[in-house]
Structure formats: structure tokens, C-alpha cells
């Protein structure tokens, strides 16, 4: 992939946006795992817990990038990512099962394990956005690591204050999923011959995810008001 091509920069931007939108979970996990430790140790837990979690996530992402090269899995991953984009908008995540660490190492372990379990959606999204380019994965992680360590709590507040940020993130995920589908080897030729269908699919997936998510959230809001 050419460094100066629009595809390279759009893919890198997609990876960074995905990390930004999903960074709130990291903030919650870190806060819960470190809450019982002295303040002097909490900073160490934040840094080393995040570094360990990012290292594991990097290895998982590189593994998924390789797996997506297997015929058929890119299509399957794209379809799964559509569901993940929708779930991002409508699911209220619970983190109450994240235990507080009794020691520095216990808190770091908790962060790494919880992030690995909760970050599988993120791994698939980044692998899909990278389009098989390991360099894009590494660059995206280099950009997002400082954000996760120092800015995740700020991002969490932004998301709470401006819910539209989640819709932007879901739109990026939906766009990534459509690109995965059209890049599937046994479908790529068909979409290359029919560029209007390619763009039509992307628009339909993005619009479908955002509309369904908005309608579901409205129904939930109306239900909460009626209770």
C-alpha cells in the first residue's frame, strides 16, 4: 500500500477512530481494577496494565489480519462487523464483574485479561480496516497507545456528553465492514465490474446500521419513560 495514497490514509484514520470510540472501555476497566490500590501505585497500574493489554491486542490483531487472508473469512468478518457496529450503538455494557486488584500485579493482570476478552470486537475492526497491511496495524497502535493511556477517561466523558460520537464510530465500523465484504477474493471481481453496486452496498450498510441503531435507542428511551 502506497504511503501517499488516499486508501492508506483513510484506512489509518479508520483505525484511529475505532480506537478512539472504543477507548472508553479501557478507562472503565483500568479504573475498576486499580480502585483499591494506593494512588502512588495507580499510575503504575495504568501504564503497565495498558502496555500489557496493548501488547496482547497487537498480537491478536496481527493473527486476525493473517486469518482474514483465508478465502471466505473476509466476508464472514465483514458480516460480523456489521453486527458489532449495531451493537456499539444499542448495547449498554456492564463492567461490574471487573474485580479490583488487591496488589499491583493482580490489578495489571485484571486489566490485561479483561481487555483481551472485551477487546475482541476492536481486534476484528482494526484487522478489517488494515486490509491485510501489518504496517497499518502497527502505525494505528502507535497512534492510539498514548490516547488509551492518557486520554481514555477524557474520551469517555466526551462520549457521555456527545452521544453522536458513537454514531460516527459505528459509521466507520459499518464502512469498514462493507470494504471487507467487497474485498473478499471471490466477490472482488464482481464488484470491480459493478462499481455502483460497490458504493451502493457501502451506503446501504452504513445507513442501515445507523438507522436501526437510532430506532432501537428511541424505542428504549420511550420504554424507560413509560416505566
Protein backbone atom coordinates (compact mmCIF):
# COMPACT_ATOMS: atom_id res chain seq x y z
CA UNK A 1 0.00 0.00 0.00
CA UNK A 2 1.36 3.40 -1.06
CA UNK A 3 2.12 5.76 1.86
CA UNK A 4 0.76 8.73 -0.12
CA UNK A 5 -2.41 7.06 -1.40
CA UNK A 6 -5.88 8.05 -0.15
CA UNK A 7 -6.54 4.37 0.69
CA UNK A 8 -3.60 4.27 3.11
CA UNK A 9 -4.60 7.43 5.00
CA UNK A 10 -8.31 6.59 5.05
CA UNK A 11 -7.52 3.14 6.48
CA UNK A 12 -5.18 4.64 9.12
CA UNK A 13 -7.83 7.23 10.05
CA UNK A 14 -10.42 4.46 10.37
CA UNK A 15 -8.15 2.51 12.76
CA UNK A 16 -7.56 5.60 14.93
CA UNK A 17 -11.30 6.44 15.04
CA UNK A 18 -12.14 2.85 16.01
CA UNK A 19 -9.61 3.02 18.84
CA UNK A 20 -10.94 6.41 19.98
CA UNK A 21 -14.55 5.24 20.09
CA UNK A 22 -13.75 2.03 21.94
CA UNK A 23 -11.19 3.56 24.34
CA UNK A 24 -13.86 4.27 26.95
CA UNK A 25 -13.93 0.61 27.90
CA UNK A 26 -10.22 0.73 28.68
CA UNK A 27 -10.79 3.66 31.02
CA UNK A 28 -13.52 1.81 32.91
CA UNK A 29 -11.50 -1.42 33.22
CA UNK A 30 -8.39 0.44 34.39
CA UNK A 31 -10.37 2.46 36.92
CA UNK A 32 -12.14 -0.57 38.37
CA UNK A 33 -9.02 -2.72 38.53
CA UNK A 34 -6.92 -0.03 40.25
CA UNK A 35 -9.54 1.45 42.58
CA UNK A 36 -8.35 -0.33 45.76
CA UNK A 37 -4.66 0.48 45.35
CA UNK A 38 -2.78 3.47 46.83
CA UNK A 39 -2.62 6.46 44.47
CA UNK A 40 1.13 6.07 44.07
CA UNK A 41 0.60 2.59 42.60
CA UNK A 42 -2.40 3.50 40.48
CA UNK A 43 -0.22 5.35 37.95
CA UNK A 44 1.98 2.27 37.53
CA UNK A 45 -1.11 0.09 37.05
CA UNK A 46 -2.46 2.44 34.37
CA UNK A 47 0.82 2.43 32.41
CA UNK A 48 1.83 -1.24 32.74
CA UNK A 49 -1.71 -2.60 32.54
CA UNK A 50 -2.33 -0.69 29.33
CA UNK A 51 1.06 -1.65 27.84
CA UNK A 52 0.38 -5.33 28.57
CA UNK A 53 -3.16 -5.12 27.17
CA UNK A 54 -1.94 -3.36 24.00
CA UNK A 55 0.82 -5.98 23.52
CA UNK A 56 -1.71 -8.82 23.67
CA UNK A 57 -4.15 -6.94 21.46
CA UNK A 58 -1.38 -6.28 18.91
CA UNK A 59 -0.55 -9.99 18.65
CA UNK A 60 -4.25 -10.90 18.35
CA UNK A 61 -4.79 -8.25 15.67
CA UNK A 62 -1.82 -9.44 13.61
CA UNK A 63 -3.13 -13.01 13.90
CA UNK A 64 -6.59 -11.92 12.70
CA UNK A 65 -5.04 -9.95 9.79
CA UNK A 66 -3.37 -13.20 8.71
CA UNK A 67 -6.56 -15.23 9.19
CA UNK A 68 -8.58 -12.79 7.07
CA UNK A 69 -6.38 -13.71 4.11
CA UNK A 70 -8.05 -17.16 4.09
CA UNK A 71 -10.80 -17.20 1.40
CA UNK A 72 -14.27 -16.68 2.84
CA UNK A 73 -13.18 -15.29 6.21
CA UNK A 74 -13.06 -11.69 4.97
CA UNK A 75 -16.74 -11.95 4.02
CA UNK A 76 -17.58 -13.59 7.35
CA UNK A 77 -15.62 -10.92 9.24
CA UNK A 78 -17.39 -8.14 7.33
CA UNK A 79 -20.82 -9.55 8.20
CA UNK A 80 -19.80 -9.93 11.84
CA UNK A 81 -18.54 -6.34 11.91
CA UNK A 82 -21.96 -5.09 10.78
CA UNK A 83 -23.43 -6.65 13.94
CA UNK A 84 -20.60 -5.18 16.05
CA UNK A 85 -21.31 -1.68 14.63
CA UNK A 86 -25.01 -2.03 15.51
CA UNK A 87 -24.20 -3.42 18.96
CA UNK A 88 -21.92 -0.43 19.64
CA UNK A 89 -24.94 1.87 19.35
CA UNK A 90 -27.54 -0.08 21.31
CA UNK A 91 -25.72 -2.17 23.91
CA UNK A 92 -25.30 -0.85 27.43
CA UNK A 93 -22.12 -2.52 28.63
CA UNK A 94 -21.78 -3.77 32.17
CA UNK A 95 -18.38 -3.75 33.85
CA UNK A 96 -19.40 -4.72 37.37
CA UNK A 97 -17.72 -8.10 37.05
CA UNK A 98 -14.26 -6.49 36.76
CA UNK A 99 -12.69 -7.17 40.14
CA UNK A 100 -10.41 -4.68 41.89
CA UNK A 101 -6.83 -5.89 42.19
CA UNK A 102 -5.50 -6.49 45.69
CA UNK A 103 -1.91 -5.83 44.56
CA UNK A 104 -0.06 -4.06 41.77
CA UNK A 105 0.48 -7.26 39.76
CA UNK A 106 -3.07 -8.52 40.39
CA UNK A 107 -4.51 -5.23 39.06
CA UNK A 108 -2.27 -5.39 35.96
CA UNK A 109 -3.37 -8.99 35.31
CA UNK A 110 -7.02 -7.99 35.69
CA UNK A 111 -6.63 -5.18 33.14
CA UNK A 112 -4.86 -7.44 30.63
CA UNK A 113 -7.37 -10.30 30.92
CA UNK A 114 -10.46 -8.07 30.88
CA UNK A 115 -9.16 -6.01 27.95
CA UNK A 116 -8.40 -9.18 25.97
CA UNK A 117 -11.92 -10.52 26.48
CA UNK A 118 -13.64 -7.18 25.87
CA UNK A 119 -11.34 -6.12 23.01
CA UNK A 120 -12.13 -8.90 20.52
CA UNK A 121 -14.56 -6.62 18.66
CA UNK A 122 -11.81 -3.99 18.45
CA UNK A 123 -9.31 -6.55 17.15
CA UNK A 124 -11.59 -7.62 14.28
CA UNK A 125 -12.43 -4.00 13.41
CA UNK A 126 -8.77 -2.92 13.24
CA UNK A 127 -7.76 -6.04 11.28
CA UNK A 128 -10.54 -5.34 8.78
CA UNK A 129 -9.63 -1.67 8.44
CA UNK A 130 -5.97 -2.59 7.82
CA UNK A 131 -6.85 -4.58 4.66
CA UNK A 132 -4.05 -7.07 5.25
CA UNK A 133 -1.37 -4.43 5.86
CA UNK A 134 0.59 -5.23 9.03
CA UNK A 135 2.25 -1.79 8.85
CA UNK A 136 -1.15 -0.10 9.18
CA UNK A 137 -1.91 -2.14 12.31
CA UNK A 138 1.39 -1.12 13.90
CA UNK A 139 1.03 2.57 12.96
CA UNK A 140 -2.55 2.62 14.24
CA UNK A 141 -1.46 1.13 17.56
CA UNK A 142 1.45 3.61 17.87
CA UNK A 143 -1.01 6.47 17.44
CA UNK A 144 -3.66 5.02 19.75
CA UNK A 145 -1.47 3.78 22.65
CA UNK A 146 -0.82 7.29 24.09
CA UNK A 147 -4.53 8.08 23.61
CA UNK A 148 -5.58 4.96 25.52
CA UNK A 149 -3.13 5.60 28.38
CA UNK A 150 -3.63 9.33 28.88
CA UNK A 151 -6.85 10.20 27.10
CA UNK A 152 -9.31 7.35 27.63
CA UNK A 153 -11.08 9.00 30.57
CA UNK A 154 -11.44 12.22 28.56
CA UNK A 155 -12.87 10.28 25.61
CA UNK A 156 -15.32 8.55 27.94
CA UNK A 157 -16.59 11.97 29.12
CA UNK A 158 -16.89 13.15 25.51
CA UNK A 159 -18.97 10.12 24.59
CA UNK A 160 -21.27 10.69 27.58
CA UNK A 161 -21.64 14.38 26.72
CA UNK A 162 -21.86 13.98 22.93
CA UNK A 163 -23.58 10.64 22.11
CA UNK A 164 -23.25 11.43 18.38
CA UNK A 165 -19.59 10.36 18.66
CA UNK A 166 -20.81 6.77 18.95
CA UNK A 167 -22.75 7.15 15.70
CA UNK A 168 -19.60 8.39 13.95
CA UNK A 169 -17.71 5.35 15.28
CA UNK A 170 -20.49 2.97 14.25
CA UNK A 171 -20.48 4.55 10.78
CA UNK A 172 -16.75 3.94 10.45
CA UNK A 173 -17.21 0.33 11.57
CA UNK A 174 -20.05 -0.14 9.06
CA UNK A 175 -17.91 1.37 6.28
CA UNK A 176 -15.04 -0.94 7.24
CA UNK A 177 -17.37 -3.96 7.16
CA UNK A 178 -18.59 -3.07 3.65
CA UNK A 179 -14.99 -2.75 2.43
CA UNK A 180 -14.20 -6.17 3.89
CA UNK A 181 -17.15 -7.68 2.01
CA UNK A 182 -16.29 -6.13 -1.36
CA UNK A 183 -12.61 -7.07 -0.93
CA UNK A 184 -13.45 -10.75 -0.40
CA UNK A 185 -11.41 -12.53 -3.15
CA UNK A 186 -14.32 -14.41 -4.74
CA UNK A 187 -16.51 -11.24 -4.75
CA UNK A 188 -13.85 -8.67 -5.64
CA UNK A 189 -14.11 -9.25 -9.41
CA UNK A 190 -17.89 -8.86 -9.36
CA UNK A 191 -17.75 -5.55 -7.50
CA UNK A 192 -14.87 -4.32 -9.72
CA UNK A 193 -17.14 -4.77 -12.73
CA UNK A 194 -20.05 -3.10 -10.93
CA UNK A 195 -18.65 -0.06 -9.06
CA UNK A 196 -22.15 1.36 -8.49
CA UNK A 197 -23.09 -1.79 -6.56
CA UNK A 198 -19.89 -1.45 -4.51
CA UNK A 199 -20.73 2.11 -3.41
CA UNK A 200 -24.40 1.23 -3.07
CA UNK A 201 -23.55 -1.60 -0.67
CA UNK A 202 -21.36 0.71 1.44
CA UNK A 203 -24.09 3.35 1.68
CA UNK A 204 -26.77 0.73 2.43
CA UNK A 205 -24.70 -0.87 5.22
CA UNK A 206 -23.81 2.48 6.85
CA UNK A 207 -27.37 3.84 6.58
CA UNK A 208 -28.88 0.54 7.75
CA UNK A 209 -26.68 0.31 10.85
CA UNK A 210 -27.21 3.95 11.86
CA UNK A 211 -30.96 3.89 11.21
CA UNK A 212 -31.54 0.59 13.04
CA UNK A 213 -29.40 1.76 15.95
CA UNK A 214 -31.25 5.07 16.18
CA UNK A 215 -34.69 3.39 16.05
CA UNK A 216 -33.67 0.85 18.71
CA UNK A 217 -32.37 3.60 21.02
CA UNK A 218 -35.56 5.62 20.57
CA UNK A 219 -37.67 2.59 21.49
CA UNK A 220 -35.51 2.02 24.56
CA UNK A 221 -35.87 5.68 25.60
CA UNK A 222 -39.66 5.54 25.19
CA UNK A 223 -39.80 2.31 27.18
CA UNK A 224 -37.75 3.83 30.02
CA UNK A 225 -40.05 6.90 30.13
CA UNK A 226 -43.15 4.70 30.34
CA UNK A 227 -41.81 2.74 33.34
